[in-house]
Amino acid sequence: MWSTVGAAFKLTLRHLPPELMLLIASMVSVFVLAVIILVQGKWKLFLWQYKKDLFKSALLGLINPFLFYLVLF
Protein backbone atom coordinates (compact mmCIF):
# COMPACT_ATOMS: atom_id res chain seq x y z
CA MET A 1 0.00 0.00 0.00
CA TRP A 2 2.74 2.50 0.89
CA SER A 3 4.41 1.99 -2.46
CA THR A 4 1.39 3.58 -4.17
CA VAL A 5 1.55 6.79 -2.11
CA GLY A 6 4.18 8.39 -4.35
CA ALA A 7 2.20 7.58 -7.48
CA ALA A 8 -1.01 8.89 -5.92
CA PHE A 9 0.71 12.14 -4.94
CA LYS A 10 2.05 12.62 -8.45
CA LEU A 11 -1.41 12.08 -9.93
CA THR A 12 -2.95 14.46 -7.39
CA LEU A 13 -0.40 17.14 -8.23
CA ARG A 14 -1.89 17.30 -11.72
CA HIS A 15 -5.07 18.73 -10.19
CA LEU A 16 -3.95 20.51 -6.99
CA PRO A 17 -1.07 22.82 -6.14
CA PRO A 18 1.56 21.20 -3.89
CA GLU A 19 0.78 23.51 -0.96
CA LEU A 20 -2.91 22.57 -0.95
CA MET A 21 -2.16 18.87 -1.28
CA LEU A 22 0.31 19.06 1.63
CA LEU A 23 -2.24 20.95 3.73
CA ILE A 24 -4.97 18.39 3.04
CA ALA A 25 -2.64 15.45 3.74
CA SER A 26 -1.50 17.04 7.00
CA MET A 27 -5.06 17.78 8.13
CA VAL A 28 -6.17 14.21 7.43
CA SER A 29 -3.16 12.89 9.37
CA VAL A 30 -3.88 15.12 12.38
CA PHE A 31 -7.53 14.08 12.36
CA VAL A 32 -6.76 10.35 12.18
CA LEU A 33 -4.14 10.55 14.91
CA ALA A 34 -6.49 12.58 17.14
CA VAL A 35 -9.20 9.94 16.74
CA ILE A 36 -6.72 7.18 17.63
CA ILE A 37 -5.57 9.08 20.74
CA LEU A 38 -9.17 9.63 21.83
CA VAL A 39 -10.18 6.00 21.25
CA GLN A 40 -7.17 4.73 23.21
CA GLY A 41 -7.88 7.18 26.05
CA LYS A 42 -4.40 8.68 25.94
CA TRP A 43 -5.43 12.34 25.56
CA LYS A 44 -3.87 13.48 28.87
CA LEU A 45 -0.61 11.70 28.06
CA PHE A 46 -0.60 13.34 24.63
CA LEU A 47 -1.10 16.83 26.09
CA TRP A 48 1.70 16.32 28.63
CA GLN A 49 4.07 15.02 25.97
CA TYR A 50 2.98 17.74 23.53
CA LYS A 51 3.96 20.54 25.91
CA LYS A 52 7.25 18.84 26.70
CA ASP A 53 8.46 18.32 23.12
CA LEU A 54 6.51 20.89 21.12
CA PHE A 55 9.48 22.41 19.27
CA LYS A 56 11.11 19.06 18.47
CA SER A 57 7.82 17.61 17.22
CA ALA A 58 7.08 20.65 15.06
CA LEU A 59 10.56 20.57 13.54
CA LEU A 60 10.38 16.86 12.74
CA GLY A 61 6.86 17.32 11.36
CA LEU A 62 8.12 19.97 8.94
CA ILE A 63 11.20 18.02 7.90
CA ASN A 64 9.23 14.89 7.00
CA PRO A 65 7.09 16.37 4.19
CA PHE A 66 10.01 18.43 2.91
CA LEU A 67 12.31 15.43 2.59
CA PHE A 68 9.53 13.32 1.10
CA TYR A 69 8.90 15.84 -1.67
CA LEU A 70 12.62 16.33 -2.22
CA VAL A 71 13.06 12.60 -2.83
CA LEU A 72 9.80 12.25 -4.76
CA PHE A 73 10.57 14.99 -7.24
PDB file of N, CA and C in Angstrom:
ATOM      1  N   MET A   1       0.818  -1.190   0.000  1.00  0.00           N
ATOM      2  CA  MET A   1       0.000   0.000   0.000  1.00  0.00           C
ATOM      3  C   MET A   1       0.867   1.262   0.000  1.00  0.00           C
ATOM      4  N   TRP A   2       1.920   1.292   0.819  1.00  0.00           N
ATOM      5  CA  TRP A   2       2.737   2.498   0.891  1.00  0.00           C
ATOM      6  C   TRP A   2       3.463   2.781  -0.411  1.00  0.00           C
ATOM      7  N   SER A   3       3.700   1.765  -1.196  1.00  0.00           N
ATOM      8  CA  SER A   3       4.410   1.987  -2.457  1.00  0.00           C
ATOM      9  C   SER A   3       3.562   2.781  -3.450  1.00  0.00           C
ATOM     10  N   THR A   4       2.275   2.828  -3.260  1.00  0.00           N
ATOM     11  CA  THR A   4       1.395   3.576  -4.166  1.00  0.00           C
ATOM     12  C   THR A   4       1.233   5.037  -3.762  1.00  0.00           C
ATOM     13  N   VAL A   5       1.727   5.415  -2.585  1.00  0.00           N
ATOM     14  CA  VAL A   5       1.551   6.789  -2.114  1.00  0.00           C
ATOM     15  C   VAL A   5       2.244   7.781  -3.036  1.00  0.00           C
ATOM     16  N   GLY A   6       3.463   7.487  -3.444  1.00  0.00           N
ATOM     17  CA  GLY A   6       4.179   8.388  -4.347  1.00  0.00           C
ATOM     18  C   GLY A   6       3.452   8.577  -5.666  1.00  0.00           C
ATOM     19  N   ALA A   7       2.948   7.493  -6.217  1.00  0.00           N
ATOM     20  CA  ALA A   7       2.200   7.581  -7.478  1.00  0.00           C
ATOM     21  C   ALA A   7       0.914   8.370  -7.297  1.00  0.00           C
ATOM     22  N   ALA A   8       0.228   8.151  -6.181  1.00  0.00           N
ATOM     23  CA  ALA A   8      -1.010   8.888  -5.915  1.00  0.00           C
ATOM     24  C   ALA A   8      -0.731  10.378  -5.761  1.00  0.00           C
ATOM     25  N   PHE A   9       0.360  10.724  -5.093  1.00  0.00           N
ATOM     26  CA  PHE A   9       0.709  12.140  -4.942  1.00  0.00           C
ATOM     27  C   PHE A   9       1.017  12.776  -6.286  1.00  0.00           C
ATOM     28  N   LYS A  10       1.750  12.069  -7.128  1.00  0.00           N
ATOM     29  CA  LYS A  10       2.052  12.622  -8.448  1.00  0.00           C
ATOM     30  C   LYS A  10       0.782  12.848  -9.269  1.00  0.00           C
ATOM     31  N   LEU A  11      -0.140  11.907  -9.217  1.00  0.00           N
ATOM     32  CA  LEU A  11      -1.411  12.083  -9.930  1.00  0.00           C
ATOM     33  C   LEU A  11      -2.215  13.243  -9.350  1.00  0.00           C
ATOM     34  N   THR A  12      -2.207  13.371  -8.043  1.00  0.00           N
ATOM     35  CA  THR A  12      -2.950  14.458  -7.388  1.00  0.00           C
ATOM     36  C   THR A  12      -2.359  15.808  -7.743  1.00  0.00           C
ATOM     37  N   LEU A  13      -1.043  15.870  -7.894  1.00  0.00           N
ATOM     38  CA  LEU A  13      -0.402  17.141  -8.229  1.00  0.00           C
ATOM     39  C   LEU A  13      -0.824  17.675  -9.596  1.00  0.00           C
ATOM     40  N   ARG A  14      -1.378  16.825 -10.424  1.00  0.00           N
ATOM     41  CA  ARG A  14      -1.891  17.299 -11.715  1.00  0.00           C
ATOM     42  C   ARG A  14      -3.119  18.189 -11.532  1.00  0.00           C
ATOM     43  N   HIS A  15      -3.815  18.020 -10.400  1.00  0.00           N
ATOM     44  CA  HIS A  15      -5.070  18.733 -10.186  1.00  0.00           C
ATOM     45  C   HIS A  15      -5.029  19.734  -9.038  1.00  0.00           C
ATOM     46  N   LEU A  16      -4.055  19.606  -8.148  1.00  0.00           N
ATOM     47  CA  LEU A  16      -3.954  20.505  -6.993  1.00  0.00           C
ATOM     48  C   LEU A  16      -2.543  21.064  -6.889  1.00  0.00           C
ATOM     49  N   PRO A  17      -2.415  22.295  -6.402  1.00  0.00           N
ATOM     50  CA  PRO A  17      -1.072  22.819  -6.141  1.00  0.00           C
ATOM     51  C   PRO A  17      -0.434  22.064  -4.970  1.00  0.00           C
ATOM     52  N   PRO A  18       0.888  21.975  -4.939  1.00  0.00           N
ATOM     53  CA  PRO A  18       1.557  21.203  -3.887  1.00  0.00           C
ATOM     54  C   PRO A  18       1.224  21.675  -2.471  1.00  0.00           C
ATOM     55  N   GLU A  19       1.075  22.979  -2.290  1.00  0.00           N
ATOM     56  CA  GLU A  19       0.778  23.512  -0.964  1.00  0.00           C
ATOM     57  C   GLU A  19      -0.575  23.016  -0.461  1.00  0.00           C
ATOM     58  N   LEU A  20      -1.568  23.019  -1.340  1.00  0.00           N
ATOM     59  CA  LEU A  20      -2.905  22.568  -0.953  1.00  0.00           C
ATOM     60  C   LEU A  20      -2.918  21.069  -0.675  1.00  0.00           C
ATOM     61  N   MET A  21      -2.220  20.314  -1.494  1.00  0.00           N
ATOM     62  CA  MET A  21      -2.158  18.871  -1.278  1.00  0.00           C
ATOM     63  C   MET A  21      -1.474  18.559   0.052  1.00  0.00           C
ATOM     64  N   LEU A  22      -0.395  19.262   0.362  1.00  0.00           N
ATOM     65  CA  LEU A  22       0.311  19.059   1.627  1.00  0.00           C
ATOM     66  C   LEU A  22      -0.576  19.448   2.806  1.00  0.00           C
ATOM     67  N   LEU A  23      -1.324  20.523   2.673  1.00  0.00           N
ATOM     68  CA  LEU A  23      -2.239  20.945   3.731  1.00  0.00           C
ATOM     69  C   LEU A  23      -3.325  19.900   3.965  1.00  0.00           C
ATOM     70  N   ILE A  24      -3.920  19.406   2.911  1.00  0.00           N
ATOM     71  CA  ILE A  24      -4.975  18.391   3.039  1.00  0.00           C
ATOM     72  C   ILE A  24      -4.416  17.112   3.662  1.00  0.00           C
ATOM     73  N   ALA A  25      -3.256  16.665   3.192  1.00  0.00           N
ATOM     74  CA  ALA A  25      -2.642  15.453   3.740  1.00  0.00           C
ATOM     75  C   ALA A  25      -2.323  15.625   5.224  1.00  0.00           C
ATOM     76  N   SER A  26      -1.824  16.786   5.602  1.00  0.00           N
ATOM     77  CA  SER A  26      -1.497  17.036   7.005  1.00  0.00           C
ATOM     78  C   SER A  26      -2.750  17.088   7.869  1.00  0.00           C
ATOM     79  N   MET A  27      -3.809  17.706   7.365  1.00  0.00           N
ATOM     80  CA  MET A  27      -5.059  17.785   8.134  1.00  0.00           C
ATOM     81  C   MET A  27      -5.670  16.404   8.338  1.00  0.00           C
ATOM     82  N   VAL A  28      -5.640  15.572   7.313  1.00  0.00           N
ATOM     83  CA  VAL A  28      -6.166  14.214   7.435  1.00  0.00           C
ATOM     84  C   VAL A  28      -5.342  13.431   8.459  1.00  0.00           C
ATOM     85  N   SER A  29      -4.021  13.585   8.419  1.00  0.00           N
ATOM     86  CA  SER A  29      -3.161  12.890   9.371  1.00  0.00           C
ATOM     87  C   SER A  29      -3.445  13.319  10.805  1.00  0.00           C
ATOM     88  N   VAL A  30      -3.581  14.614  11.028  1.00  0.00           N
ATOM     89  CA  VAL A  30      -3.876  15.123  12.376  1.00  0.00           C
ATOM     90  C   VAL A  30      -5.219  14.584  12.857  1.00  0.00           C
ATOM     91  N   PHE A  31      -6.206  14.574  11.990  1.00  0.00           N
ATOM     92  CA  PHE A  31      -7.534  14.079  12.362  1.00  0.00           C
ATOM     93  C   PHE A  31      -7.487  12.596  12.742  1.00  0.00           C
ATOM     94  N   VAL A  32      -6.833  11.797  11.911  1.00  0.00           N
ATOM     95  CA  VAL A  32      -6.759  10.350  12.179  1.00  0.00           C
ATOM     96  C   VAL A  32      -6.010  10.080  13.475  1.00  0.00           C
ATOM     97  N   LEU A  33      -4.904  10.760  13.683  1.00  0.00           N
ATOM     98  CA  LEU A  33      -4.141  10.551  14.911  1.00  0.00           C
ATOM     99  C   LEU A  33      -4.919  11.010  16.142  1.00  0.00           C
ATOM    100  N   ALA A  34      -5.673  12.109  16.024  1.00  0.00           N
ATOM    101  CA  ALA A  34      -6.493  12.578  17.144  1.00  0.00           C
ATOM    102  C   ALA A  34      -7.570  11.560  17.497  1.00  0.00           C
ATOM    103  N   VAL A  35      -8.184  10.974  16.495  1.00  0.00           N
ATOM    104  CA  VAL A  35      -9.200   9.942  16.742  1.00  0.00           C
ATOM    105  C   VAL A  35      -8.574   8.737  17.444  1.00  0.00           C
ATOM    106  N   ILE A  36      -7.398   8.324  17.003  1.00  0.00           N
ATOM    107  CA  ILE A  36      -6.717   7.183  17.633  1.00  0.00           C
ATOM    108  C   ILE A  36      -6.395   7.488  19.090  1.00  0.00           C
ATOM    109  N   ILE A  37      -5.897   8.693  19.364  1.00  0.00           N
ATOM    110  CA  ILE A  37      -5.574   9.081  20.740  1.00  0.00           C
ATOM    111  C   ILE A  37      -6.826   9.090  21.598  1.00  0.00           C
ATOM    112  N   LEU A  38      -7.916   9.609  21.073  1.00  0.00           N
ATOM    113  CA  LEU A  38      -9.171   9.633  21.834  1.00  0.00           C
ATOM    114  C   LEU A  38      -9.701   8.228  22.097  1.00  0.00           C
ATOM    115  N   VAL A  39      -9.668   7.365  21.101  1.00  0.00           N
ATOM    116  CA  VAL A  39     -10.178   6.000  21.254  1.00  0.00           C
ATOM    117  C   VAL A  39      -9.344   5.227  22.275  1.00  0.00           C
ATOM    118  N   GLN A  40      -8.041   5.441  22.268  1.00  0.00           N
ATOM    119  CA  GLN A  40      -7.175   4.735  23.208  1.00  0.00           C
ATOM    120  C   GLN A  40      -7.193   5.355  24.603  1.00  0.00           C
ATOM    121  N   GLY A  41      -7.809   6.519  24.751  1.00  0.00           N
ATOM    122  CA  GLY A  41      -7.885   7.182  26.048  1.00  0.00           C
ATOM    123  C   GLY A  41      -6.561   7.765  26.517  1.00  0.00           C
ATOM    124  N   LYS A  42      -5.721   8.159  25.589  1.00  0.00           N
ATOM    125  CA  LYS A  42      -4.397   8.683  25.940  1.00  0.00           C
ATOM    126  C   LYS A  42      -4.292  10.191  25.737  1.00  0.00           C
ATOM    127  N   TRP A  43      -5.414  10.898  25.824  1.00  0.00           N
ATOM    128  CA  TRP A  43      -5.428  12.340  25.557  1.00  0.00           C
ATOM    129  C   TRP A  43      -4.565  13.111  26.557  1.00  0.00           C
ATOM    130  N   LYS A  44      -4.663  12.766  27.851  1.00  0.00           N
ATOM    131  CA  LYS A  44      -3.865  13.476  28.865  1.00  0.00           C
ATOM    132  C   LYS A  44      -2.373  13.239  28.658  1.00  0.00           C
ATOM    133  N   LEU A  45      -2.012  12.012  28.337  1.00  0.00           N
ATOM    134  CA  LEU A  45      -0.614  11.699  28.065  1.00  0.00           C
ATOM    135  C   LEU A  45      -0.122  12.478  26.850  1.00  0.00           C
ATOM    136  N   PHE A  46      -0.963  12.590  25.835  1.00  0.00           N
ATOM    137  CA  PHE A  46      -0.599  13.343  24.633  1.00  0.00           C
ATOM    138  C   PHE A  46      -0.358  14.811  24.967  1.00  0.00           C
ATOM    139  N   LEU A  47      -1.253  15.415  25.755  1.00  0.00           N
ATOM    140  CA  LEU A  47      -1.097  16.829  26.088  1.00  0.00           C
ATOM    141  C   LEU A  47       0.167  17.073  26.898  1.00  0.00           C
ATOM    142  N   TRP A  48       0.486  16.166  27.833  1.00  0.00           N
ATOM    143  CA  TRP A  48       1.695  16.321  28.633  1.00  0.00           C
ATOM    144  C   TRP A  48       2.927  16.209  27.730  1.00  0.00           C
ATOM    145  N   GLN A  49       2.935  15.226  26.870  1.00  0.00           N
ATOM    146  CA  GLN A  49       4.065  15.015  25.966  1.00  0.00           C
ATOM    147  C   GLN A  49       4.158  16.159  24.959  1.00  0.00           C
ATOM    148  N   TYR A  50       3.020  16.655  24.512  1.00  0.00           N
ATOM    149  CA  TYR A  50       2.977  17.737  23.526  1.00  0.00           C
ATOM    150  C   TYR A  50       3.661  18.978  24.071  1.00  0.00           C
ATOM    151  N   LYS A  51       3.353  19.354  25.302  1.00  0.00           N
ATOM    152  CA  LYS A  51       3.960  20.544  25.907  1.00  0.00           C
ATOM    153  C   LYS A  51       5.454  20.350  26.104  1.00  0.00           C
ATOM    154  N   LYS A  52       5.848  19.132  26.422  1.00  0.00           N
ATOM    155  CA  LYS A  52       7.250  18.844  26.696  1.00  0.00           C
ATOM    156  C   LYS A  52       8.118  18.939  25.446  1.00  0.00           C
ATOM    157  N   ASP A  53       7.651  18.414  24.336  1.00  0.00           N
ATOM    158  CA  ASP A  53       8.461  18.322  23.115  1.00  0.00           C
ATOM    159  C   ASP A  53       7.850  19.058  21.936  1.00  0.00           C
ATOM    160  N   LEU A  54       7.209  20.171  22.184  1.00  0.00           N
ATOM    161  CA  LEU A  54       6.513  20.893  21.119  1.00  0.00           C
ATOM    162  C   LEU A  54       7.456  21.301  19.986  1.00  0.00           C
ATOM    163  N   PHE A  55       8.569  21.926  20.315  1.00  0.00           N
ATOM    164  CA  PHE A  55       9.482  22.406  19.271  1.00  0.00           C
ATOM    165  C   PHE A  55      10.057  21.249  18.466  1.00  0.00           C
ATOM    166  N   LYS A  56      10.513  20.214  19.150  1.00  0.00           N
ATOM    167  CA  LYS A  56      11.110  19.063  18.467  1.00  0.00           C
ATOM    168  C   LYS A  56      10.087  18.390  17.546  1.00  0.00           C
ATOM    169  N   SER A  57       8.865  18.237  18.025  1.00  0.00           N
ATOM    170  CA  SER A  57       7.819  17.610  17.219  1.00  0.00           C
ATOM    171  C   SER A  57       7.478  18.453  15.996  1.00  0.00           C
ATOM    172  N   ALA A  58       7.390  19.759  16.180  1.00  0.00           N
ATOM    173  CA  ALA A  58       7.080  20.654  15.058  1.00  0.00           C
ATOM    174  C   ALA A  58       8.194  20.616  14.018  1.00  0.00           C
ATOM    175  N   LEU A  59       9.431  20.614  14.464  1.00  0.00           N
ATOM    176  CA  LEU A  59      10.557  20.569  13.537  1.00  0.00           C
ATOM    177  C   LEU A  59      10.576  19.262  12.743  1.00  0.00           C
ATOM    178  N   LEU A  60      10.402  18.152  13.429  1.00  0.00           N
ATOM    179  CA  LEU A  60      10.378  16.862  12.740  1.00  0.00           C
ATOM    180  C   LEU A  60       9.169  16.755  11.808  1.00  0.00           C
ATOM    181  N   GLY A  61       8.047  17.335  12.205  1.00  0.00           N
ATOM    182  CA  GLY A  61       6.863  17.324  11.357  1.00  0.00           C
ATOM    183  C   GLY A  61       7.043  18.123  10.082  1.00  0.00           C
ATOM    184  N   LEU A  62       7.848  19.178  10.142  1.00  0.00           N
ATOM    185  CA  LEU A  62       8.122  19.972   8.939  1.00  0.00           C
ATOM    186  C   LEU A  62       9.174  19.319   8.051  1.00  0.00           C
ATOM    187  N   ILE A  63      10.136  18.665   8.672  1.00  0.00           N
ATOM    188  CA  ILE A  63      11.196  18.018   7.901  1.00  0.00           C
ATOM    189  C   ILE A  63      10.643  16.852   7.083  1.00  0.00           C
ATOM    190  N   ASN A  64       9.745  16.083   7.676  1.00  0.00           N
ATOM    191  CA  ASN A  64       9.230  14.891   7.005  1.00  0.00           C
ATOM    192  C   ASN A  64       8.608  15.206   5.644  1.00  0.00           C
ATOM    193  N   PRO A  65       7.641  16.112   5.533  1.00  0.00           N
ATOM    194  CA  PRO A  65       7.087  16.365   4.190  1.00  0.00           C
ATOM    195  C   PRO A  65       8.123  16.960   3.239  1.00  0.00           C
ATOM    196  N   PHE A  66       9.001  17.811   3.767  1.00  0.00           N
ATOM    197  CA  PHE A  66      10.012  18.433   2.908  1.00  0.00           C
ATOM    198  C   PHE A  66      10.920  17.378   2.288  1.00  0.00           C
ATOM    199  N   LEU A  67      11.427  16.476   3.108  1.00  0.00           N
ATOM    200  CA  LEU A  67      12.311  15.431   2.589  1.00  0.00           C
ATOM    201  C   LEU A  67      11.570  14.485   1.653  1.00  0.00           C
ATOM    202  N   PHE A  68      10.319  14.195   1.967  1.00  0.00           N
ATOM    203  CA  PHE A  68       9.530  13.315   1.101  1.00  0.00           C
ATOM    204  C   PHE A  68       9.392  13.916  -0.292  1.00  0.00           C
ATOM    205  N   TYR A  69       9.054  15.203  -0.361  1.00  0.00           N
ATOM    206  CA  TYR A  69       8.896  15.839  -1.674  1.00  0.00           C
ATOM    207  C   TYR A  69      10.225  16.007  -2.377  1.00  0.00           C
ATOM    208  N   LEU A  70      11.289  16.211  -1.621  1.00  0.00           N
ATOM    209  CA  LEU A  70      12.617  16.335  -2.222  1.00  0.00           C
ATOM    210  C   LEU A  70      13.012  15.020  -2.907  1.00  0.00           C
ATOM    211  N   VAL A  71      12.748  13.915  -2.259  1.00  0.00           N
ATOM    212  CA  VAL A  71      13.058  12.601  -2.827  1.00  0.00           C
ATOM    213  C   VAL A  71      12.089  12.262  -3.960  1.00  0.00           C
ATOM    214  N   LEU A  72      10.817  12.605  -3.781  1.00  0.00           N
ATOM    215  CA  LEU A  72       9.800  12.250  -4.763  1.00  0.00           C
ATOM    216  C   LEU A  72      10.009  12.972  -6.085  1.00  0.00           C
ATOM    217  N   PHE A  73      10.429  14.217  -6.010  1.00  0.00           N
ATOM    218  CA  PHE A  73      10.569  14.991  -7.242  1.00  0.00           C
ATOM    219  C   PHE A  73      12.024  15.269  -7.463  1.00  0.00           C
TER     220      PHE A  73
END
